[in-house]
């Protein structure tokens, strides 16, 4: 999985759902970090926050976030 392409796809999906603040938070997580590991850790944290707080997510967006979180968990634990 290409983490960045999937993250940008989720950014677009959140924006389309009207969740602009959440969309921007993910983009900021990617753009404001220095190292790849820092980006992945912040991206995972941000995705977890959105997933936990938003019951309004469309099912496809929720599935994509869950999948990316699982992938990032595996990547960061290995």
PDB file of N, CA and C in Angstrom:
ATOM      1  N   UNK A   1       0.848  -1.186   0.000  1.00  0.00           N
ATOM      2  CA  UNK A   1       0.000   0.000   0.000  1.00  0.00           C
ATOM      3  C   UNK A   1       0.885   1.237   0.000  1.00  0.00           C
ATOM      4  N   UNK A   2       0.538   2.191  -0.801  1.00  0.00           N
ATOM      5  CA  UNK A   2       1.215   3.481  -0.815  1.00  0.00           C
ATOM      6  C   UNK A   2       0.513   4.364   0.220  1.00  0.00           C
ATOM      7  N   UNK A   3       1.151   4.523   1.376  1.00  0.00           N
ATOM      8  CA  UNK A   3       0.540   5.242   2.493  1.00  0.00           C
ATOM      9  C   UNK A   3       0.123   6.651   2.111  1.00  0.00           C
ATOM     10  N   UNK A   4       1.007   7.320   1.395  1.00  0.00           N
ATOM     11  CA  UNK A   4       0.750   8.717   1.068  1.00  0.00           C
ATOM     12  C   UNK A   4      -0.415   8.864   0.089  1.00  0.00           C
ATOM     13  N   UNK A   5      -0.440   8.048  -0.949  1.00  0.00           N
ATOM     14  CA  UNK A   5      -1.563   8.123  -1.895  1.00  0.00           C
ATOM     15  C   UNK A   5      -2.880   7.805  -1.211  1.00  0.00           C
ATOM     16  N   UNK A   6      -2.874   6.803  -0.335  1.00  0.00           N
ATOM     17  CA  UNK A   6      -4.103   6.459   0.384  1.00  0.00           C
ATOM     18  C   UNK A   6      -4.500   7.586   1.333  1.00  0.00           C
ATOM     19  N   UNK A   7      -3.528   8.173   2.010  1.00  0.00           N
ATOM     20  CA  UNK A   7      -3.825   9.283   2.913  1.00  0.00           C
ATOM     21  C   UNK A   7      -4.422  10.461   2.135  1.00  0.00           C
ATOM     22  N   UNK A   8      -3.860  10.767   0.975  1.00  0.00           N
ATOM     23  CA  UNK A   8      -4.405  11.869   0.180  1.00  0.00           C
ATOM     24  C   UNK A   8      -5.792  11.525  -0.355  1.00  0.00           C
ATOM     25  N   UNK A   9      -6.041  10.249  -0.641  1.00  0.00           N
ATOM     26  CA  UNK A   9      -7.386   9.828  -1.032  1.00  0.00           C
ATOM     27  C   UNK A   9      -8.377  10.016   0.108  1.00  0.00           C
ATOM     28  N   UNK A  10      -7.945   9.705   1.323  1.00  0.00           N
ATOM     29  CA  UNK A  10      -8.802   9.899   2.501  1.00  0.00           C
ATOM     30  C   UNK A  10      -9.023  11.388   2.750  1.00  0.00           C
ATOM     31  N   UNK A  11      -7.982  12.194   2.548  1.00  0.00           N
ATOM     32  CA  UNK A  11      -8.122  13.649   2.679  1.00  0.00           C
ATOM     33  C   UNK A  11      -9.229  14.140   1.751  1.00  0.00           C
ATOM     34  N   UNK A  12      -9.191  13.691   0.506  1.00  0.00           N
ATOM     35  CA  UNK A  12     -10.213  14.095  -0.467  1.00  0.00           C
ATOM     36  C   UNK A  12     -11.601  13.606  -0.060  1.00  0.00           C
ATOM     37  N   UNK A  13     -11.677  12.364   0.434  1.00  0.00           N
ATOM     38  CA  UNK A  13     -12.970  11.799   0.843  1.00  0.00           C
ATOM     39  C   UNK A  13     -13.549  12.571   2.026  1.00  0.00           C
ATOM     40  N   UNK A  14     -12.712  12.904   2.991  1.00  0.00           N
ATOM     41  CA  UNK A  14     -13.188  13.671   4.149  1.00  0.00           C
ATOM     42  C   UNK A  14     -13.676  15.049   3.724  1.00  0.00           C
ATOM     43  N   UNK A  15     -12.928  15.689   2.844  1.00  0.00           N
ATOM     44  CA  UNK A  15     -13.343  17.007   2.352  1.00  0.00           C
ATOM     45  C   UNK A  15     -14.682  16.909   1.628  1.00  0.00           C
ATOM     46  N   UNK A  16     -14.852  15.859   0.836  1.00  0.00           N
ATOM     47  CA  UNK A  16     -16.117  15.668   0.107  1.00  0.00           C
ATOM     48  C   UNK A  16     -17.280  15.440   1.067  1.00  0.00           C
ATOM     49  N   UNK A  17     -16.996  14.877   2.237  1.00  0.00           N
ATOM     50  CA  UNK A  17     -18.021  14.649   3.254  1.00  0.00           C
ATOM     51  C   UNK A  17     -18.267  15.898   4.101  1.00  0.00           C
ATOM     52  N   UNK A  18     -17.512  16.951   3.834  1.00  0.00           N
ATOM     53  CA  UNK A  18     -17.667  18.186   4.597  1.00  0.00           C
ATOM     54  C   UNK A  18     -16.828  18.239   5.857  1.00  0.00           C
ATOM     55  N   UNK A  19     -15.938  17.292   6.033  1.00  0.00           N
ATOM     56  CA  UNK A  19     -15.087  17.239   7.226  1.00  0.00           C
ATOM     57  C   UNK A  19     -13.746  17.914   6.911  1.00  0.00           C
ATOM     58  N   UNK A  20     -13.814  19.215   6.698  1.00  0.00           N
ATOM     59  CA  UNK A  20     -12.659  19.990   6.263  1.00  0.00           C
ATOM     60  C   UNK A  20     -11.573  20.042   7.334  1.00  0.00           C
ATOM     61  N   UNK A  21     -11.967  20.234   8.587  1.00  0.00           N
ATOM     62  CA  UNK A  21     -10.987  20.298   9.681  1.00  0.00           C
ATOM     63  C   UNK A  21     -10.201  19.002   9.767  1.00  0.00           C
ATOM     64  N   UNK A  22     -10.878  17.873   9.677  1.00  0.00           N
ATOM     65  CA  UNK A  22     -10.226  16.572   9.751  1.00  0.00           C
ATOM     66  C   UNK A  22      -9.331  16.351   8.536  1.00  0.00           C
ATOM     67  N   UNK A  23      -9.818  16.764   7.375  1.00  0.00           N
ATOM     68  CA  UNK A  23      -9.040  16.652   6.147  1.00  0.00           C
ATOM     69  C   UNK A  23      -7.735  17.438   6.265  1.00  0.00           C
ATOM     70  N   UNK A  24      -7.847  18.665   6.751  1.00  0.00           N
ATOM     71  CA  UNK A  24      -6.669  19.524   6.904  1.00  0.00           C
ATOM     72  C   UNK A  24      -5.716  18.971   7.956  1.00  0.00           C
ATOM     73  N   UNK A  25      -6.235  18.373   9.011  1.00  0.00           N
ATOM     74  CA  UNK A  25      -5.379  17.810  10.060  1.00  0.00           C
ATOM     75  C   UNK A  25      -4.494  16.698   9.505  1.00  0.00           C
ATOM     76  N   UNK A  26      -5.044  15.873   8.625  1.00  0.00           N
ATOM     77  CA  UNK A  26      -4.237  14.805   8.025  1.00  0.00           C
ATOM     78  C   UNK A  26      -3.183  15.409   7.105  1.00  0.00           C
ATOM     79  N   UNK A  27      -3.571  16.379   6.307  1.00  0.00           N
ATOM     80  CA  UNK A  27      -2.604  17.012   5.412  1.00  0.00           C
ATOM     81  C   UNK A  27      -1.487  17.670   6.212  1.00  0.00           C
ATOM     82  N   UNK A  28      -1.832  18.349   7.296  1.00  0.00           N
ATOM     83  CA  UNK A  28      -0.823  18.969   8.149  1.00  0.00           C
ATOM     84  C   UNK A  28       0.108  17.920   8.756  1.00  0.00           C
ATOM     85  N   UNK A  29      -0.437  16.767   9.114  1.00  0.00           N
ATOM     86  CA  UNK A  29       0.385  15.694   9.679  1.00  0.00           C
ATOM     87  C   UNK A  29       1.447  15.250   8.680  1.00  0.00           C
ATOM     88  N   UNK A  30       1.088  15.195   7.433  1.00  0.00           N
ATOM     89  CA  UNK A  30       2.033  14.775   6.405  1.00  0.00           C
ATOM     90  C   UNK A  30       3.060  15.871   6.132  1.00  0.00           C
ATOM     91  N   UNK A  31       2.601  17.095   6.035  1.00  0.00           N
ATOM     92  CA  UNK A  31       3.463  18.190   5.604  1.00  0.00           C
ATOM     93  C   UNK A  31       4.357  18.761   6.697  1.00  0.00           C
ATOM     94  N   UNK A  32       4.003  18.584   7.955  1.00  0.00           N
ATOM     95  CA  UNK A  32       4.751  19.253   9.018  1.00  0.00           C
ATOM     96  C   UNK A  32       5.824  18.395   9.678  1.00  0.00           C
ATOM     97  N   UNK A  33       5.913  17.145   9.305  1.00  0.00           N
ATOM     98  CA  UNK A  33       6.894  16.251   9.932  1.00  0.00           C
ATOM     99  C   UNK A  33       8.177  16.205   9.111  1.00  0.00           C
ATOM    100  N   UNK A  34       9.271  15.830   9.785  1.00  0.00           N
ATOM    101  CA  UNK A  34      10.588  15.842   9.153  1.00  0.00           C
ATOM    102  C   UNK A  34      10.994  14.497   8.579  1.00  0.00           C
ATOM    103  N   UNK A  35      10.725  13.437   9.321  1.00  0.00           N
ATOM    104  CA  UNK A  35      11.202  12.119   8.893  1.00  0.00           C
ATOM    105  C   UNK A  35      10.025  11.230   8.503  1.00  0.00           C
ATOM    106  N   UNK A  36      10.327  10.183   7.757  1.00  0.00           N
ATOM    107  CA  UNK A  36       9.274   9.251   7.319  1.00  0.00           C
ATOM    108  C   UNK A  36       8.587   8.602   8.520  1.00  0.00           C
ATOM    109  N   UNK A  37       9.364   8.198   9.506  1.00  0.00           N
ATOM    110  CA  UNK A  37       8.777   7.554  10.681  1.00  0.00           C
ATOM    111  C   UNK A  37       7.872   8.523  11.432  1.00  0.00           C
ATOM    112  N   UNK A  38       8.315   9.755  11.559  1.00  0.00           N
ATOM    113  CA  UNK A  38       7.501  10.768  12.230  1.00  0.00           C
ATOM    114  C   UNK A  38       6.184  10.989  11.479  1.00  0.00           C
ATOM    115  N   UNK A  39       6.260  11.025  10.158  1.00  0.00           N
ATOM    116  CA  UNK A  39       5.051  11.188   9.352  1.00  0.00           C
ATOM    117  C   UNK A  39       4.099  10.021   9.585  1.00  0.00           C
ATOM    118  N   UNK A  40       4.612   8.794   9.537  1.00  0.00           N
ATOM    119  CA  UNK A  40       3.754   7.622   9.713  1.00  0.00           C
ATOM    120  C   UNK A  40       3.127   7.596  11.100  1.00  0.00           C
ATOM    121  N   UNK A  41       3.903   7.949  12.126  1.00  0.00           N
ATOM    122  CA  UNK A  41       3.373   7.943  13.486  1.00  0.00           C
ATOM    123  C   UNK A  41       2.279   9.003  13.649  1.00  0.00           C
ATOM    124  N   UNK A  42       2.522  10.179  13.130  1.00  0.00           N
ATOM    125  CA  UNK A  42       1.524  11.246  13.257  1.00  0.00           C
ATOM    126  C   UNK A  42       0.296  10.946  12.402  1.00  0.00           C
ATOM    127  N   UNK A  43       0.529  10.376  11.233  1.00  0.00           N
ATOM    128  CA  UNK A  43      -0.575   9.998  10.363  1.00  0.00           C
ATOM    129  C   UNK A  43      -1.453   8.960  11.043  1.00  0.00           C
ATOM    130  N   UNK A  44      -0.838   7.956  11.665  1.00  0.00           N
ATOM    131  CA  UNK A  44      -1.599   6.936  12.386  1.00  0.00           C
ATOM    132  C   UNK A  44      -2.402   7.561  13.525  1.00  0.00           C
ATOM    133  N   UNK A  45      -1.763   8.423  14.301  1.00  0.00           N
ATOM    134  CA  UNK A  45      -2.445   9.060  15.428  1.00  0.00           C
ATOM    135  C   UNK A  45      -3.638   9.868  14.939  1.00  0.00           C
ATOM    136  N   UNK A  46      -3.428  10.650  13.883  1.00  0.00           N
ATOM    137  CA  UNK A  46      -4.503  11.499  13.365  1.00  0.00           C
ATOM    138  C   UNK A  46      -5.661  10.650  12.850  1.00  0.00           C
ATOM    139  N   UNK A  47      -5.350   9.576  12.138  1.00  0.00           N
ATOM    140  CA  UNK A  47      -6.391   8.678  11.621  1.00  0.00           C
ATOM    141  C   UNK A  47      -7.172   8.043  12.777  1.00  0.00           C
ATOM    142  N   UNK A  48      -6.468   7.644  13.835  1.00  0.00           N
ATOM    143  CA  UNK A  48      -7.136   7.045  14.991  1.00  0.00           C
ATOM    144  C   UNK A  48      -8.090   8.039  15.644  1.00  0.00           C
ATOM    145  N   UNK A  49      -7.670   9.302  15.737  1.00  0.00           N
ATOM    146  CA  UNK A  49      -8.525  10.327  16.336  1.00  0.00           C
ATOM    147  C   UNK A  49      -9.793  10.535  15.520  1.00  0.00           C
ATOM    148  N   UNK A  50      -9.642  10.616  14.225  1.00  0.00           N
ATOM    149  CA  UNK A  50     -10.797  10.811  13.342  1.00  0.00           C
ATOM    150  C   UNK A  50     -11.719   9.603  13.400  1.00  0.00           C
ATOM    151  N   UNK A  51     -11.134   8.424  13.360  1.00  0.00           N
ATOM    152  CA  UNK A  51     -11.921   7.186  13.391  1.00  0.00           C
ATOM    153  C   UNK A  51     -12.713   7.081  14.688  1.00  0.00           C
ATOM    154  N   UNK A  52     -12.081   7.428  15.796  1.00  0.00           N
ATOM    155  CA  UNK A  52     -12.736   7.312  17.104  1.00  0.00           C
ATOM    156  C   UNK A  52     -13.825   8.367  17.308  1.00  0.00           C
ATOM    157  N   UNK A  53     -13.643   9.530  16.723  1.00  0.00           N
ATOM    158  CA  UNK A  53     -14.535  10.649  17.015  1.00  0.00           C
ATOM    159  C   UNK A  53     -15.682  10.822  16.032  1.00  0.00           C
ATOM    160  N   UNK A  54     -15.599  10.211  14.879  1.00  0.00           N
ATOM    161  CA  UNK A  54     -16.575  10.513  13.832  1.00  0.00           C
ATOM    162  C   UNK A  54     -17.453   9.318  13.500  1.00  0.00           C
ATOM    163  N   UNK A  55     -18.685   9.374  13.965  1.00  0.00           N
ATOM    164  CA  UNK A  55     -19.660   8.364  13.573  1.00  0.00           C
ATOM    165  C   UNK A  55     -20.336   8.758  12.265  1.00  0.00           C
ATOM    166  N   UNK A  56     -20.007   9.945  11.776  1.00  0.00           N
ATOM    167  CA  UNK A  56     -20.641  10.448  10.558  1.00  0.00           C
ATOM    168  C   UNK A  56     -19.892  10.045   9.296  1.00  0.00           C
ATOM    169  N   UNK A  57     -18.789   9.348   9.447  1.00  0.00           N
ATOM    170  CA  UNK A  57     -18.019   8.938   8.274  1.00  0.00           C
ATOM    171  C   UNK A  57     -18.844   8.007   7.396  1.00  0.00           C
ATOM    172  N   UNK A  58     -18.724   8.195   6.105  1.00  0.00           N
ATOM    173  CA  UNK A  58     -19.346   7.249   5.185  1.00  0.00           C
ATOM    174  C   UNK A  58     -18.651   5.900   5.333  1.00  0.00           C
ATOM    175  N   UNK A  59     -19.365   4.809   5.111  1.00  0.00           N
ATOM    176  CA  UNK A  59     -18.766   3.477   5.305  1.00  0.00           C
ATOM    177  C   UNK A  59     -17.461   3.263   4.536  1.00  0.00           C
ATOM    178  N   UNK A  60     -17.367   3.744   3.303  1.00  0.00           N
ATOM    179  CA  UNK A  60     -16.141   3.554   2.536  1.00  0.00           C
ATOM    180  C   UNK A  60     -14.975   4.317   3.148  1.00  0.00           C
ATOM    181  N   UNK A  61     -15.228   5.529   3.605  1.00  0.00           N
ATOM    182  CA  UNK A  61     -14.171   6.318   4.241  1.00  0.00           C
ATOM    183  C   UNK A  61     -13.732   5.651   5.536  1.00  0.00           C
ATOM    184  N   UNK A  62     -14.693   5.194   6.323  1.00  0.00           N
ATOM    185  CA  UNK A  62     -14.368   4.494   7.575  1.00  0.00           C
ATOM    186  C   UNK A  62     -13.515   3.253   7.289  1.00  0.00           C
ATOM    187  N   UNK A  63     -13.877   2.491   6.269  1.00  0.00           N
ATOM    188  CA  UNK A  63     -13.121   1.283   5.905  1.00  0.00           C
ATOM    189  C   UNK A  63     -11.698   1.650   5.476  1.00  0.00           C
ATOM    190  N   UNK A  64     -11.568   2.698   4.685  1.00  0.00           N
ATOM    191  CA  UNK A  64     -10.244   3.121   4.222  1.00  0.00           C
ATOM    192  C   UNK A  64      -9.369   3.563   5.393  1.00  0.00           C
ATOM    193  N   UNK A  65      -9.951   4.287   6.336  1.00  0.00           N
ATOM    194  CA  UNK A  65      -9.194   4.718   7.517  1.00  0.00           C
ATOM    195  C   UNK A  65      -8.778   3.511   8.347  1.00  0.00           C
ATOM    196  N   UNK A  66      -9.698   2.574   8.572  1.00  0.00           N
ATOM    197  CA  UNK A  66      -9.373   1.365   9.339  1.00  0.00           C
ATOM    198  C   UNK A  66      -8.241   0.584   8.670  1.00  0.00           C
ATOM    199  N   UNK A  67      -8.301   0.460   7.363  1.00  0.00           N
ATOM    200  CA  UNK A  67      -7.272  -0.265   6.624  1.00  0.00           C
ATOM    201  C   UNK A  67      -5.916   0.425   6.740  1.00  0.00           C
ATOM    202  N   UNK A  68      -5.913   1.738   6.606  1.00  0.00           N
ATOM    203  CA  UNK A  68      -4.647   2.469   6.711  1.00  0.00           C
ATOM    204  C   UNK A  68      -4.090   2.391   8.127  1.00  0.00           C
ATOM    205  N   UNK A  69      -4.934   2.488   9.132  1.00  0.00           N
ATOM    206  CA  UNK A  69      -4.464   2.353  10.517  1.00  0.00           C
ATOM    207  C   UNK A  69      -3.816   0.984  10.718  1.00  0.00           C
ATOM    208  N   UNK A  70      -4.463  -0.069  10.255  1.00  0.00           N
ATOM    209  CA  UNK A  70      -3.910  -1.423  10.408  1.00  0.00           C
ATOM    210  C   UNK A  70      -2.567  -1.563   9.692  1.00  0.00           C
ATOM    211  N   UNK A  71      -2.483  -1.001   8.504  1.00  0.00           N
ATOM    212  CA  UNK A  71      -1.242  -1.069   7.749  1.00  0.00           C
ATOM    213  C   UNK A  71      -0.139  -0.294   8.452  1.00  0.00           C
ATOM    214  N   UNK A  72      -0.457   0.894   8.950  1.00  0.00           N
ATOM    215  CA  UNK A  72       0.537   1.679   9.664  1.00  0.00           C
ATOM    216  C   UNK A  72       0.954   0.998  10.960  1.00  0.00           C
ATOM    217  N   UNK A  73       0.022   0.371  11.661  1.00  0.00           N
ATOM    218  CA  UNK A  73       0.363  -0.384  12.878  1.00  0.00           C
ATOM    219  C   UNK A  73       1.390  -1.462  12.566  1.00  0.00           C
ATOM    220  N   UNK A  74       1.146  -2.213  11.499  1.00  0.00           N
ATOM    221  CA  UNK A  74       2.101  -3.276  11.116  1.00  0.00           C
ATOM    222  C   UNK A  74       3.457  -2.692  10.736  1.00  0.00           C
ATOM    223  N   UNK A  75       3.449  -1.634   9.977  1.00  0.00           N
ATOM    224  CA  UNK A  75       4.695  -1.015   9.523  1.00  0.00           C
ATOM    225  C   UNK A  75       5.512  -0.469  10.695  1.00  0.00           C
ATOM    226  N   UNK A  76       4.841   0.176  11.617  1.00  0.00           N
ATOM    227  CA  UNK A  76       5.550   0.797  12.734  1.00  0.00           C
ATOM    228  C   UNK A  76       5.960  -0.193  13.817  1.00  0.00           C
ATOM    229  N   UNK A  77       5.311  -1.347  13.871  1.00  0.00           N
ATOM    230  CA  UNK A  77       5.678  -2.334  14.895  1.00  0.00           C
ATOM    231  C   UNK A  77       6.772  -3.287  14.405  1.00  0.00           C
ATOM    232  N   UNK A  78       7.052  -3.261  13.146  1.00  0.00           N
ATOM    233  CA  UNK A  78       8.042  -4.196  12.581  1.00  0.00           C
ATOM    234  C   UNK A  78       9.340  -3.562  12.440  1.00  0.00           C
TER     235      UNK A  78
END
